């Protein structure tokens, strides 16, 4: 899954995620919105066949959106690495 940074402006982060699905993006959106430091998080997809989805994160004043997203990624990685089949 390729990620392109469209905007990284301290409190705001906007990413285009090539090859991302609603499943992954919904997981990120839900976890981000459950954090106290996140003011708003959502993902958008204009045309499902033509456009890659975009993830948008806005944090409260004084918090960096890219750090918050990295923390969520680490949390998800840790959670999935502990799964045994």
PDB file of N, CA and C in Angstrom:
ATOM      1  N   UNK A   1       0.853  -1.159   0.000  1.00  0.00           N
ATOM      2  CA  UNK A   1       0.000   0.000   0.000  1.00  0.00           C
ATOM      3  C   UNK A   1       0.906   1.232   0.000  1.00  0.00           C
ATOM      4  N   UNK A   2       0.822   2.015  -1.045  1.00  0.00           N
ATOM      5  CA  UNK A   2       1.626   3.230  -1.174  1.00  0.00           C
ATOM      6  C   UNK A   2       0.882   4.409  -0.553  1.00  0.00           C
ATOM      7  N   UNK A   3       1.637   5.264   0.128  1.00  0.00           N
ATOM      8  CA  UNK A   3       1.055   6.432   0.796  1.00  0.00           C
ATOM      9  C   UNK A   3       1.751   7.687   0.275  1.00  0.00           C
ATOM     10  N   UNK A   4       0.959   8.664  -0.138  1.00  0.00           N
ATOM     11  CA  UNK A   4       1.490   9.946  -0.597  1.00  0.00           C
ATOM     12  C   UNK A   4       0.969  11.034   0.334  1.00  0.00           C
ATOM     13  N   UNK A   5       1.884  11.827   0.864  1.00  0.00           N
ATOM     14  CA  UNK A   5       1.500  12.925   1.748  1.00  0.00           C
ATOM     15  C   UNK A   5       1.040  14.098   0.894  1.00  0.00           C
ATOM     16  N   UNK A   6      -0.210  14.491   1.060  1.00  0.00           N
ATOM     17  CA  UNK A   6      -0.767  15.628   0.335  1.00  0.00           C
ATOM     18  C   UNK A   6      -0.662  16.910   1.149  1.00  0.00           C
ATOM     19  N   UNK A   7      -0.750  16.762   2.469  1.00  0.00           N
ATOM     20  CA  UNK A   7      -0.655  17.928   3.350  1.00  0.00           C
ATOM     21  C   UNK A   7      -0.145  17.463   4.707  1.00  0.00           C
ATOM     22  N   UNK A   8       0.873  18.121   5.210  1.00  0.00           N
ATOM     23  CA  UNK A   8       1.373  17.865   6.552  1.00  0.00           C
ATOM     24  C   UNK A   8       1.673  19.222   7.167  1.00  0.00           C
ATOM     25  N   UNK A   9       0.674  19.746   7.853  1.00  0.00           N
ATOM     26  CA  UNK A   9       0.727  21.117   8.336  1.00  0.00           C
ATOM     27  C   UNK A   9       0.615  21.164   9.857  1.00  0.00           C
ATOM     28  N   UNK A  10       1.412  20.377  10.537  1.00  0.00           N
ATOM     29  CA  UNK A  10       1.357  20.357  11.993  1.00  0.00           C
ATOM     30  C   UNK A  10       0.123  19.655  12.509  1.00  0.00           C
ATOM     31  N   UNK A  11      -0.951  20.407  12.688  1.00  0.00           N
ATOM     32  CA  UNK A  11      -2.205  19.844  13.202  1.00  0.00           C
ATOM     33  C   UNK A  11      -2.989  19.070  12.163  1.00  0.00           C
ATOM     34  N   UNK A  12      -2.728  19.303  10.883  1.00  0.00           N
ATOM     35  CA  UNK A  12      -3.510  18.661   9.826  1.00  0.00           C
ATOM     36  C   UNK A  12      -2.625  17.759   8.971  1.00  0.00           C
ATOM     37  N   UNK A  13      -3.170  16.599   8.651  1.00  0.00           N
ATOM     38  CA  UNK A  13      -2.464  15.634   7.811  1.00  0.00           C
ATOM     39  C   UNK A  13      -3.458  15.061   6.813  1.00  0.00           C
ATOM     40  N   UNK A  14      -3.070  15.047   5.558  1.00  0.00           N
ATOM     41  CA  UNK A  14      -3.920  14.480   4.506  1.00  0.00           C
ATOM     42  C   UNK A  14      -3.053  13.548   3.668  1.00  0.00           C
ATOM     43  N   UNK A  15      -3.481  12.294   3.549  1.00  0.00           N
ATOM     44  CA  UNK A  15      -2.726  11.267   2.842  1.00  0.00           C
ATOM     45  C   UNK A  15      -3.567  10.640   1.750  1.00  0.00           C
ATOM     46  N   UNK A  16      -2.946  10.345   0.623  1.00  0.00           N
ATOM     47  CA  UNK A  16      -3.601   9.548  -0.425  1.00  0.00           C
ATOM     48  C   UNK A  16      -3.045   8.137  -0.294  1.00  0.00           C
ATOM     49  N   UNK A  17      -3.934   7.162  -0.201  1.00  0.00           N
ATOM     50  CA  UNK A  17      -3.528   5.788   0.066  1.00  0.00           C
ATOM     51  C   UNK A  17      -3.888   4.921  -1.127  1.00  0.00           C
ATOM     52  N   UNK A  18      -2.880   4.580  -1.919  1.00  0.00           N
ATOM     53  CA  UNK A  18      -3.080   3.732  -3.099  1.00  0.00           C
ATOM     54  C   UNK A  18      -3.186   2.281  -2.658  1.00  0.00           C
ATOM     55  N   UNK A  19      -4.238   1.624  -3.096  1.00  0.00           N
ATOM     56  CA  UNK A  19      -4.432   0.220  -2.753  1.00  0.00           C
ATOM     57  C   UNK A  19      -5.126   0.022  -1.418  1.00  0.00           C
ATOM     58  N   UNK A  20      -5.523   1.109  -0.771  1.00  0.00           N
ATOM     59  CA  UNK A  20      -6.233   1.001   0.498  1.00  0.00           C
ATOM     60  C   UNK A  20      -7.687   0.640   0.284  1.00  0.00           C
ATOM     61  N   UNK A  21      -8.261  -0.044   1.247  1.00  0.00           N
ATOM     62  CA  UNK A  21      -9.668  -0.422   1.161  1.00  0.00           C
ATOM     63  C   UNK A  21     -10.440   0.260   2.293  1.00  0.00           C
ATOM     64  N   UNK A  22     -11.750   0.166   2.229  1.00  0.00           N
ATOM     65  CA  UNK A  22     -12.588   0.740   3.274  1.00  0.00           C
ATOM     66  C   UNK A  22     -12.293   0.082   4.625  1.00  0.00           C
ATOM     67  N   UNK A  23     -11.914  -1.181   4.617  1.00  0.00           N
ATOM     68  CA  UNK A  23     -11.645  -1.898   5.862  1.00  0.00           C
ATOM     69  C   UNK A  23     -10.496  -1.249   6.626  1.00  0.00           C
ATOM     70  N   UNK A  24      -9.367  -1.039   5.956  1.00  0.00           N
ATOM     71  CA  UNK A  24      -8.214  -0.429   6.626  1.00  0.00           C
ATOM     72  C   UNK A  24      -8.503   1.011   7.023  1.00  0.00           C
ATOM     73  N   UNK A  25      -9.083   1.756   6.112  1.00  0.00           N
ATOM     74  CA  UNK A  25      -9.333   3.166   6.380  1.00  0.00           C
ATOM     75  C   UNK A  25     -10.359   3.361   7.494  1.00  0.00           C
ATOM     76  N   UNK A  26     -11.349   2.510   7.558  1.00  0.00           N
ATOM     77  CA  UNK A  26     -12.335   2.578   8.637  1.00  0.00           C
ATOM     78  C   UNK A  26     -11.665   2.294   9.978  1.00  0.00           C
ATOM     79  N   UNK A  27     -10.733   1.338  10.001  1.00  0.00           N
ATOM     80  CA  UNK A  27     -10.021   1.023  11.234  1.00  0.00           C
ATOM     81  C   UNK A  27      -9.212   2.233  11.710  1.00  0.00           C
ATOM     82  N   UNK A  28      -8.489   2.888  10.793  1.00  0.00           N
ATOM     83  CA  UNK A  28      -7.730   4.084  11.150  1.00  0.00           C
ATOM     84  C   UNK A  28      -8.670   5.199  11.612  1.00  0.00           C
ATOM     85  N   UNK A  29      -9.734   5.434  10.875  1.00  0.00           N
ATOM     86  CA  UNK A  29     -10.675   6.504  11.217  1.00  0.00           C
ATOM     87  C   UNK A  29     -11.259   6.301  12.611  1.00  0.00           C
ATOM     88  N   UNK A  30     -11.694   5.092  12.886  1.00  0.00           N
ATOM     89  CA  UNK A  30     -12.309   4.801  14.182  1.00  0.00           C
ATOM     90  C   UNK A  30     -11.313   4.982  15.323  1.00  0.00           C
ATOM     91  N   UNK A  31     -10.116   4.465  15.168  1.00  0.00           N
ATOM     92  CA  UNK A  31      -9.115   4.581  16.240  1.00  0.00           C
ATOM     93  C   UNK A  31      -8.676   6.020  16.446  1.00  0.00           C
ATOM     94  N   UNK A  32      -8.515   6.748  15.364  1.00  0.00           N
ATOM     95  CA  UNK A  32      -8.123   8.151  15.485  1.00  0.00           C
ATOM     96  C   UNK A  32      -9.204   8.969  16.185  1.00  0.00           C
ATOM     97  N   UNK A  33     -10.450   8.773  15.815  1.00  0.00           N
ATOM     98  CA  UNK A  33     -11.545   9.533  16.423  1.00  0.00           C
ATOM     99  C   UNK A  33     -11.768   9.177  17.887  1.00  0.00           C
ATOM    100  N   UNK A  34     -11.280   8.026  18.323  1.00  0.00           N
ATOM    101  CA  UNK A  34     -11.392   7.639  19.729  1.00  0.00           C
ATOM    102  C   UNK A  34     -10.306   8.258  20.595  1.00  0.00           C
ATOM    103  N   UNK A  35      -9.337   8.924  19.990  1.00  0.00           N
ATOM    104  CA  UNK A  35      -8.239   9.535  20.739  1.00  0.00           C
ATOM    105  C   UNK A  35      -8.627  10.953  21.174  1.00  0.00           C
ATOM    106  N   UNK A  36      -8.252  11.300  22.395  1.00  0.00           N
ATOM    107  CA  UNK A  36      -8.565  12.631  22.925  1.00  0.00           C
ATOM    108  C   UNK A  36      -7.837  13.738  22.181  1.00  0.00           C
ATOM    109  N   UNK A  37      -6.657  13.442  21.622  1.00  0.00           N
ATOM    110  CA  UNK A  37      -5.853  14.450  20.933  1.00  0.00           C
ATOM    111  C   UNK A  37      -6.326  14.727  19.504  1.00  0.00           C
ATOM    112  N   UNK A  38      -7.268  13.946  19.007  1.00  0.00           N
ATOM    113  CA  UNK A  38      -7.757  14.104  17.636  1.00  0.00           C
ATOM    114  C   UNK A  38      -9.085  14.851  17.654  1.00  0.00           C
ATOM    115  N   UNK A  39      -9.113  15.936  16.916  1.00  0.00           N
ATOM    116  CA  UNK A  39     -10.326  16.743  16.798  1.00  0.00           C
ATOM    117  C   UNK A  39     -11.268  16.154  15.743  1.00  0.00           C
ATOM    118  N   UNK A  40     -10.684  15.638  14.644  1.00  0.00           N
ATOM    119  CA  UNK A  40     -11.492  15.110  13.535  1.00  0.00           C
ATOM    120  C   UNK A  40     -10.624  14.179  12.690  1.00  0.00           C
ATOM    121  N   UNK A  41     -11.185  13.069  12.287  1.00  0.00           N
ATOM    122  CA  UNK A  41     -10.516  12.156  11.357  1.00  0.00           C
ATOM    123  C   UNK A  41     -11.573  11.506  10.477  1.00  0.00           C
ATOM    124  N   UNK A  42     -11.272  11.391   9.194  1.00  0.00           N
ATOM    125  CA  UNK A  42     -12.194  10.749   8.266  1.00  0.00           C
ATOM    126  C   UNK A  42     -11.425  10.358   7.013  1.00  0.00           C
ATOM    127  N   UNK A  43     -12.054   9.551   6.196  1.00  0.00           N
ATOM    128  CA  UNK A  43     -11.465   9.234   4.900  1.00  0.00           C
ATOM    129  C   UNK A  43     -12.502   9.491   3.820  1.00  0.00           C
ATOM    130  N   UNK A  44     -11.996   9.765   2.635  1.00  0.00           N
ATOM    131  CA  UNK A  44     -12.850  10.133   1.508  1.00  0.00           C
ATOM    132  C   UNK A  44     -12.408   9.380   0.271  1.00  0.00           C
ATOM    133  N   UNK A  45     -13.358   9.026  -0.553  1.00  0.00           N
ATOM    134  CA  UNK A  45     -13.052   8.434  -1.847  1.00  0.00           C
ATOM    135  C   UNK A  45     -14.048   8.995  -2.848  1.00  0.00           C
ATOM    136  N   UNK A  46     -13.548   9.766  -3.796  1.00  0.00           N
ATOM    137  CA  UNK A  46     -14.442  10.405  -4.766  1.00  0.00           C
ATOM    138  C   UNK A  46     -15.101   9.372  -5.665  1.00  0.00           C
ATOM    139  N   UNK A  47     -14.355   8.786  -6.558  1.00  0.00           N
ATOM    140  CA  UNK A  47     -14.892   7.760  -7.454  1.00  0.00           C
ATOM    141  C   UNK A  47     -14.186   6.448  -7.132  1.00  0.00           C
ATOM    142  N   UNK A  48     -14.927   5.397  -6.804  1.00  0.00           N
ATOM    143  CA  UNK A  48     -14.296   4.155  -6.346  1.00  0.00           C
ATOM    144  C   UNK A  48     -13.381   3.485  -7.373  1.00  0.00           C
ATOM    145  N   UNK A  49     -13.626   3.688  -8.643  1.00  0.00           N
ATOM    146  CA  UNK A  49     -12.793   3.050  -9.660  1.00  0.00           C
ATOM    147  C   UNK A  49     -11.675   3.954 -10.174  1.00  0.00           C
ATOM    148  N   UNK A  50     -11.814   5.241 -10.002  1.00  0.00           N
ATOM    149  CA  UNK A  50     -10.859   6.177 -10.587  1.00  0.00           C
ATOM    150  C   UNK A  50      -9.932   6.853  -9.581  1.00  0.00           C
ATOM    151  N   UNK A  51     -10.380   7.003  -8.345  1.00  0.00           N
ATOM    152  CA  UNK A  51      -9.616   7.773  -7.364  1.00  0.00           C
ATOM    153  C   UNK A  51      -9.196   6.910  -6.185  1.00  0.00           C
ATOM    154  N   UNK A  52      -7.983   7.157  -5.697  1.00  0.00           N
ATOM    155  CA  UNK A  52      -7.520   6.505  -4.477  1.00  0.00           C
ATOM    156  C   UNK A  52      -8.112   7.239  -3.275  1.00  0.00           C
ATOM    157  N   UNK A  53      -8.399   6.509  -2.201  1.00  0.00           N
ATOM    158  CA  UNK A  53      -8.968   7.154  -1.021  1.00  0.00           C
ATOM    159  C   UNK A  53      -7.943   8.043  -0.322  1.00  0.00           C
ATOM    160  N   UNK A  54      -8.456   9.024   0.423  1.00  0.00           N
ATOM    161  CA  UNK A  54      -7.616   9.940   1.181  1.00  0.00           C
ATOM    162  C   UNK A  54      -8.039   9.908   2.643  1.00  0.00           C
ATOM    163  N   UNK A  55      -7.038   9.922   3.517  1.00  0.00           N
ATOM    164  CA  UNK A  55      -7.263   9.965   4.957  1.00  0.00           C
ATOM    165  C   UNK A  55      -6.913  11.361   5.445  1.00  0.00           C
ATOM    166  N   UNK A  56      -7.800  11.961   6.237  1.00  0.00           N
ATOM    167  CA  UNK A  56      -7.592  13.303   6.762  1.00  0.00           C
ATOM    168  C   UNK A  56      -7.642  13.259   8.287  1.00  0.00           C
ATOM    169  N   UNK A  57      -6.661  13.898   8.920  1.00  0.00           N
ATOM    170  CA  UNK A  57      -6.594  13.947  10.378  1.00  0.00           C
ATOM    171  C   UNK A  57      -6.341  15.386  10.810  1.00  0.00           C
ATOM    172  N   UNK A  58      -7.109  15.862  11.801  1.00  0.00           N
ATOM    173  CA  UNK A  58      -6.876  17.171  12.407  1.00  0.00           C
ATOM    174  C   UNK A  58      -6.830  16.974  13.917  1.00  0.00           C
ATOM    175  N   UNK A  59      -5.760  17.449  14.530  1.00  0.00           N
ATOM    176  CA  UNK A  59      -5.586  17.268  15.968  1.00  0.00           C
ATOM    177  C   UNK A  59      -5.930  18.544  16.723  1.00  0.00           C
ATOM    178  N   UNK A  60      -5.978  18.418  18.048  1.00  0.00           N
ATOM    179  CA  UNK A  60      -6.188  19.597  18.878  1.00  0.00           C
ATOM    180  C   UNK A  60      -4.920  20.444  18.851  1.00  0.00           C
ATOM    181  N   UNK A  61      -5.044  21.674  19.257  1.00  0.00           N
ATOM    182  CA  UNK A  61      -3.915  22.604  19.242  1.00  0.00           C
ATOM    183  C   UNK A  61      -2.773  22.057  20.099  1.00  0.00           C
ATOM    184  N   UNK A  62      -1.563  22.114  19.536  1.00  0.00           N
ATOM    185  CA  UNK A  62      -0.378  21.669  20.258  1.00  0.00           C
ATOM    186  C   UNK A  62       0.027  20.231  19.989  1.00  0.00           C
ATOM    187  N   UNK A  63      -0.751  19.494  19.229  1.00  0.00           N
ATOM    188  CA  UNK A  63      -0.436  18.095  18.902  1.00  0.00           C
ATOM    189  C   UNK A  63      -0.156  17.973  17.420  1.00  0.00           C
ATOM    190  N   UNK A  64       0.784  17.113  17.059  1.00  0.00           N
ATOM    191  CA  UNK A  64       1.157  16.911  15.661  1.00  0.00           C
ATOM    192  C   UNK A  64       0.426  15.698  15.099  1.00  0.00           C
ATOM    193  N   UNK A  65      -0.231  15.908  13.976  1.00  0.00           N
ATOM    194  CA  UNK A  65      -1.039  14.843  13.366  1.00  0.00           C
ATOM    195  C   UNK A  65      -0.184  13.669  12.905  1.00  0.00           C
ATOM    196  N   UNK A  66       1.014  13.942  12.366  1.00  0.00           N
ATOM    197  CA  UNK A  66       1.841  12.833  11.886  1.00  0.00           C
ATOM    198  C   UNK A  66       2.305  11.940  13.030  1.00  0.00           C
ATOM    199  N   UNK A  67       2.605  12.518  14.185  1.00  0.00           N
ATOM    200  CA  UNK A  67       3.004  11.711  15.338  1.00  0.00           C
ATOM    201  C   UNK A  67       1.841  10.866  15.837  1.00  0.00           C
ATOM    202  N   UNK A  68       0.657  11.455  15.880  1.00  0.00           N
ATOM    203  CA  UNK A  68      -0.536  10.713  16.316  1.00  0.00           C
ATOM    204  C   UNK A  68      -0.779   9.524  15.385  1.00  0.00           C
ATOM    205  N   UNK A  69      -0.670   9.744  14.071  1.00  0.00           N
ATOM    206  CA  UNK A  69      -0.889   8.655  13.115  1.00  0.00           C
ATOM    207  C   UNK A  69       0.168   7.566  13.281  1.00  0.00           C
ATOM    208  N   UNK A  70       1.422   7.953  13.504  1.00  0.00           N
ATOM    209  CA  UNK A  70       2.482   6.961  13.732  1.00  0.00           C
ATOM    210  C   UNK A  70       2.185   6.138  14.980  1.00  0.00           C
ATOM    211  N   UNK A  71       1.682   6.784  16.027  1.00  0.00           N
ATOM    212  CA  UNK A  71       1.316   6.064  17.249  1.00  0.00           C
ATOM    213  C   UNK A  71       0.204   5.056  16.987  1.00  0.00           C
ATOM    214  N   UNK A  72      -0.787   5.450  16.187  1.00  0.00           N
ATOM    215  CA  UNK A  72      -1.879   4.535  15.848  1.00  0.00           C
ATOM    216  C   UNK A  72      -1.350   3.358  15.025  1.00  0.00           C
ATOM    217  N   UNK A  73      -0.461   3.640  14.088  1.00  0.00           N
ATOM    218  CA  UNK A  73       0.144   2.565  13.279  1.00  0.00           C
ATOM    219  C   UNK A  73       0.899   1.578  14.163  1.00  0.00           C
ATOM    220  N   UNK A  74       1.663   2.095  15.113  1.00  0.00           N
ATOM    221  CA  UNK A  74       2.409   1.225  16.034  1.00  0.00           C
ATOM    222  C   UNK A  74       1.465   0.367  16.864  1.00  0.00           C
ATOM    223  N   UNK A  75       0.386   0.965  17.319  1.00  0.00           N
ATOM    224  CA  UNK A  75      -0.598   0.241  18.116  1.00  0.00           C
ATOM    225  C   UNK A  75      -1.246  -0.889  17.314  1.00  0.00           C
ATOM    226  N   UNK A  76      -1.604  -0.589  16.085  1.00  0.00           N
ATOM    227  CA  UNK A  76      -2.228  -1.600  15.223  1.00  0.00           C
ATOM    228  C   UNK A  76      -1.225  -2.721  14.907  1.00  0.00           C
ATOM    229  N   UNK A  77       0.010  -2.350  14.625  1.00  0.00           N
ATOM    230  CA  UNK A  77       1.055  -3.345  14.338  1.00  0.00           C
ATOM    231  C   UNK A  77       1.251  -4.262  15.523  1.00  0.00           C
ATOM    232  N   UNK A  78       1.338  -3.676  16.722  1.00  0.00           N
ATOM    233  CA  UNK A  78       1.531  -4.479  17.938  1.00  0.00           C
ATOM    234  C   UNK A  78       0.349  -5.420  18.146  1.00  0.00           C
ATOM    235  N   UNK A  79      -0.854  -4.909  17.932  1.00  0.00           N
ATOM    236  CA  UNK A  79      -2.055  -5.726  18.140  1.00  0.00           C
ATOM    237  C   UNK A  79      -2.092  -6.909  17.168  1.00  0.00           C
ATOM    238  N   UNK A  80      -1.784  -6.659  15.898  1.00  0.00           N
ATOM    239  CA  UNK A  80      -1.840  -7.743  14.910  1.00  0.00           C
ATOM    240  C   UNK A  80      -0.659  -8.687  15.025  1.00  0.00           C
ATOM    241  N   UNK A  81       0.473  -8.242  15.531  1.00  0.00           N
ATOM    242  CA  UNK A  81       1.629  -9.130  15.650  1.00  0.00           C
ATOM    243  C   UNK A  81       1.441 -10.144  16.783  1.00  0.00           C
ATOM    244  N   UNK A  82       0.535  -9.854  17.702  1.00  0.00           N
ATOM    245  CA  UNK A  82       0.294 -10.780  18.803  1.00  0.00           C
ATOM    246  C   UNK A  82      -0.734 -11.860  18.466  1.00  0.00           C
ATOM    247  N   UNK A  83      -1.299 -11.808  17.285  1.00  0.00           N
ATOM    248  CA  UNK A  83      -2.288 -12.814  16.878  1.00  0.00           C
ATOM    249  C   UNK A  83      -1.565 -14.110  16.525  1.00  0.00           C
ATOM    250  N   UNK A  84      -2.075 -15.193  17.059  1.00  0.00           N
ATOM    251  CA  UNK A  84      -1.520 -16.506  16.695  1.00  0.00           C
ATOM    252  C   UNK A  84      -2.608 -17.340  16.057  1.00  0.00           C
ATOM    253  N   UNK A  85      -2.230 -17.996  14.998  1.00  0.00           N
ATOM    254  CA  UNK A  85      -3.195 -18.828  14.259  1.00  0.00           C
ATOM    255  C   UNK A  85      -2.893 -20.283  14.476  1.00  0.00           C
TER     256      UNK A  85
END
